Protein backbone atom coordinates (compact mmCIF):
# COMPACT_ATOMS: atom_id res chain seq x y z
CA MET A 1 71.55 308.79 130.79
CA SER A 2 70.62 312.18 129.32
CA ASP A 3 71.82 313.21 125.87
CA LYS A 4 71.40 316.85 126.87
CA THR A 5 74.21 319.28 126.23
CA HIS A 6 74.91 321.96 128.83
CA THR A 7 76.86 325.15 128.12
CA TYR A 8 78.58 327.59 130.44
CA THR A 9 80.36 330.78 129.31
CA ASN A 10 82.65 333.42 130.74
CA GLY A 11 82.28 335.64 127.67
CA GLU A 12 85.50 334.38 126.08
CA VAL A 13 84.99 330.64 126.08
CA THR A 14 81.93 328.43 126.31
CA ILE A 15 82.43 325.13 128.10
CA VAL A 16 80.26 322.39 126.58
CA TRP A 17 79.32 319.40 128.75
CA LYS A 18 77.64 316.33 127.29
CA ALA A 19 76.45 314.41 130.33
CA SER A 20 75.89 311.16 128.46
CA LEU A 21 79.60 310.94 127.57
CA CYS A 22 80.95 311.68 131.05
CA THR A 23 82.90 308.84 132.67
CA HIS A 24 83.40 310.77 135.92
CA SER A 25 87.18 310.47 135.69
CA ARG A 26 87.45 313.40 138.13
CA LYS A 27 90.20 315.02 136.05
CA CYS A 28 88.20 318.21 135.58
CA TRP A 29 87.47 318.99 139.20
CA THR A 30 90.75 317.71 140.63
CA GLY A 31 92.68 319.68 138.01
CA LEU A 32 90.68 322.91 138.18
CA PRO A 33 88.44 322.94 141.27
CA GLU A 34 87.85 326.69 140.91
CA VAL A 35 85.76 325.96 137.81
CA PHE A 36 84.48 322.39 138.18
CA LYS A 37 82.49 321.89 141.39
CA PRO A 38 80.54 318.60 141.26
CA GLY A 39 78.71 319.24 144.54
CA GLU A 40 77.12 322.46 143.29
CA ARG A 41 74.41 323.30 140.75
CA PRO A 42 75.38 324.53 138.29
CA TRP A 43 78.57 322.53 138.69
CA ILE A 44 80.65 324.47 136.16
CA HIS A 45 81.74 328.03 137.05
CA PRO A 46 83.57 329.45 134.01
CA ASP A 47 84.46 332.68 135.82
CA GLY A 48 86.59 330.71 138.31
CA ALA A 49 89.78 330.68 136.21
CA THR A 50 91.37 332.24 133.16
CA THR A 51 90.29 331.12 129.73
CA GLU A 52 93.75 329.65 129.13
CA ARG A 53 93.53 327.45 132.24
CA ILE A 54 90.02 326.34 131.28
CA LEU A 55 91.13 325.37 127.76
CA ALA A 56 94.10 323.40 129.11
CA GLN A 57 91.90 321.52 131.59
CA VAL A 58 89.05 320.76 129.18
CA LYS A 59 91.55 319.29 126.71
CA GLN A 60 92.43 316.70 129.37
CA CYS A 61 88.88 315.27 129.52
CA PRO A 62 89.38 311.59 128.61
CA SER A 63 85.83 310.89 127.47
CA GLY A 64 85.20 313.94 125.32
CA ALA A 65 82.26 314.91 127.54
CA LEU A 66 83.84 318.33 128.01
CA SER A 67 84.72 320.47 125.02
CA PHE A 68 84.81 324.17 124.35
CA GLN A 69 83.98 326.88 121.86
CA LEU A 70 85.80 330.15 121.71
CA ASP A 71 83.04 332.73 121.86
CA ASN A 72 84.52 334.72 118.97
CA ALA A 73 85.04 331.62 116.77
CA PRO A 74 82.21 330.08 114.71
CA GLU A 75 83.06 326.41 115.36
CA GLU A 76 84.21 324.22 118.21
CA VAL A 77 87.95 324.37 118.62
CA GLY A 78 90.11 321.53 119.77
CA ALA A 79 93.58 320.16 119.32
CA PRO A 80 94.07 318.92 115.77
CA GLN A 81 94.06 315.15 115.58
CA PRO A 82 96.43 313.12 113.44
CA PRO A 83 94.87 310.82 110.84
CA GLY A 84 93.58 307.57 112.25
CA ALA A 85 93.02 306.84 115.90
CA THR A 86 94.99 305.71 118.91
CA VAL A 87 93.73 303.55 121.76
CA GLU A 88 95.00 303.88 125.32
CA VAL A 89 94.23 301.20 127.90
CA THR A 90 93.78 302.99 131.21
CA PRO A 91 94.59 301.09 134.39
CA ASP A 92 91.38 299.66 135.86
CA GLY A 93 89.34 301.86 133.52
CA PRO A 94 88.08 302.37 129.99
CA LEU A 95 89.74 302.31 126.61
CA ILE A 96 90.40 305.91 125.56
CA VAL A 97 90.11 306.24 121.79
CA ARG A 98 91.69 309.44 120.44
CA GLY A 99 91.07 310.60 116.91
CA THR A 100 88.05 310.56 114.65
CA VAL A 101 86.18 307.25 114.73
CA GLU A 102 82.79 305.91 113.77
CA VAL A 103 81.02 303.69 116.27
CA ARG A 104 78.60 301.33 114.52
CA HIS A 105 75.96 300.01 116.89
CA ALA A 106 74.24 296.63 116.54
CA ASP A 107 70.94 298.38 115.74
CA GLY A 108 72.50 300.13 112.73
CA ARG A 109 73.06 303.54 114.30
CA VAL A 110 76.39 305.19 113.56
CA GLU A 111 77.96 307.77 115.86
CA ARG A 112 80.93 309.83 114.82
CA LYS A 113 83.34 310.81 117.59
CA GLU A 114 85.59 313.66 116.52
CA ARG A 115 88.26 313.95 119.20
CA GLN A 116 88.00 311.13 121.66
CA CYS A 117 85.71 308.76 123.49
CA ALA A 118 85.95 306.27 126.32
CA LEU A 119 84.85 302.68 125.68
CA CYS A 120 83.75 300.38 128.51
CA ARG A 121 86.06 297.47 129.42
CA CYS A 122 84.32 296.30 132.59
CA GLY A 123 80.97 295.38 131.02
CA ALA A 124 78.94 297.24 133.67
CA SER A 125 78.25 300.50 131.81
CA ALA A 126 74.63 301.51 131.36
CA ASN A 127 75.74 303.46 128.28
CA LYS A 128 77.52 300.73 126.30
CA PRO A 129 79.72 300.73 124.36
CA PHE A 130 80.77 303.92 126.16
CA CYS A 131 82.11 304.06 129.69
CA ASP A 132 79.90 305.65 132.34
CA GLY A 133 82.33 305.24 135.25
CA SER A 134 80.78 301.97 136.51
CA HIS A 135 84.22 300.36 136.71
CA ARG A 136 84.85 302.24 139.97
CA ARG A 137 81.59 301.00 141.50
CA THR A 138 82.21 297.38 140.48
CA GLY A 139 85.89 297.30 141.49
CA PHE A 140 87.00 296.37 137.97
CA THR A 141 90.71 295.68 137.59
CA GLY A 142 92.51 295.14 134.37
């Protein structure tokens, strides 16, 4: 899966999409179909809704694949996270880890996840340890 980062702006906010983190939860396009249109290229249309609605929807991304930058702010903005991390077990889906965590891979690489990430529970992900949405294809329950 690509590590490429895609950006889309409406002049007030830039939506950042990291394809390699996307678990295809569908929350973006079911929650704000005026902006997120998976059947189109480009699939994100930041002029489709107000900046406030975009920010609220992007904050609901469970994998952290979607984030945003306010175009007049120098750094990425997100909801402040409490110290430590929390783990949510989603029905028939991944583990959602919220908070700042370090993921230490078997090959020695270390990835820092600032807000949240989705970890595979089904074992079928091609992007382990992260979820890539394969649980839907395999019929995973748990």
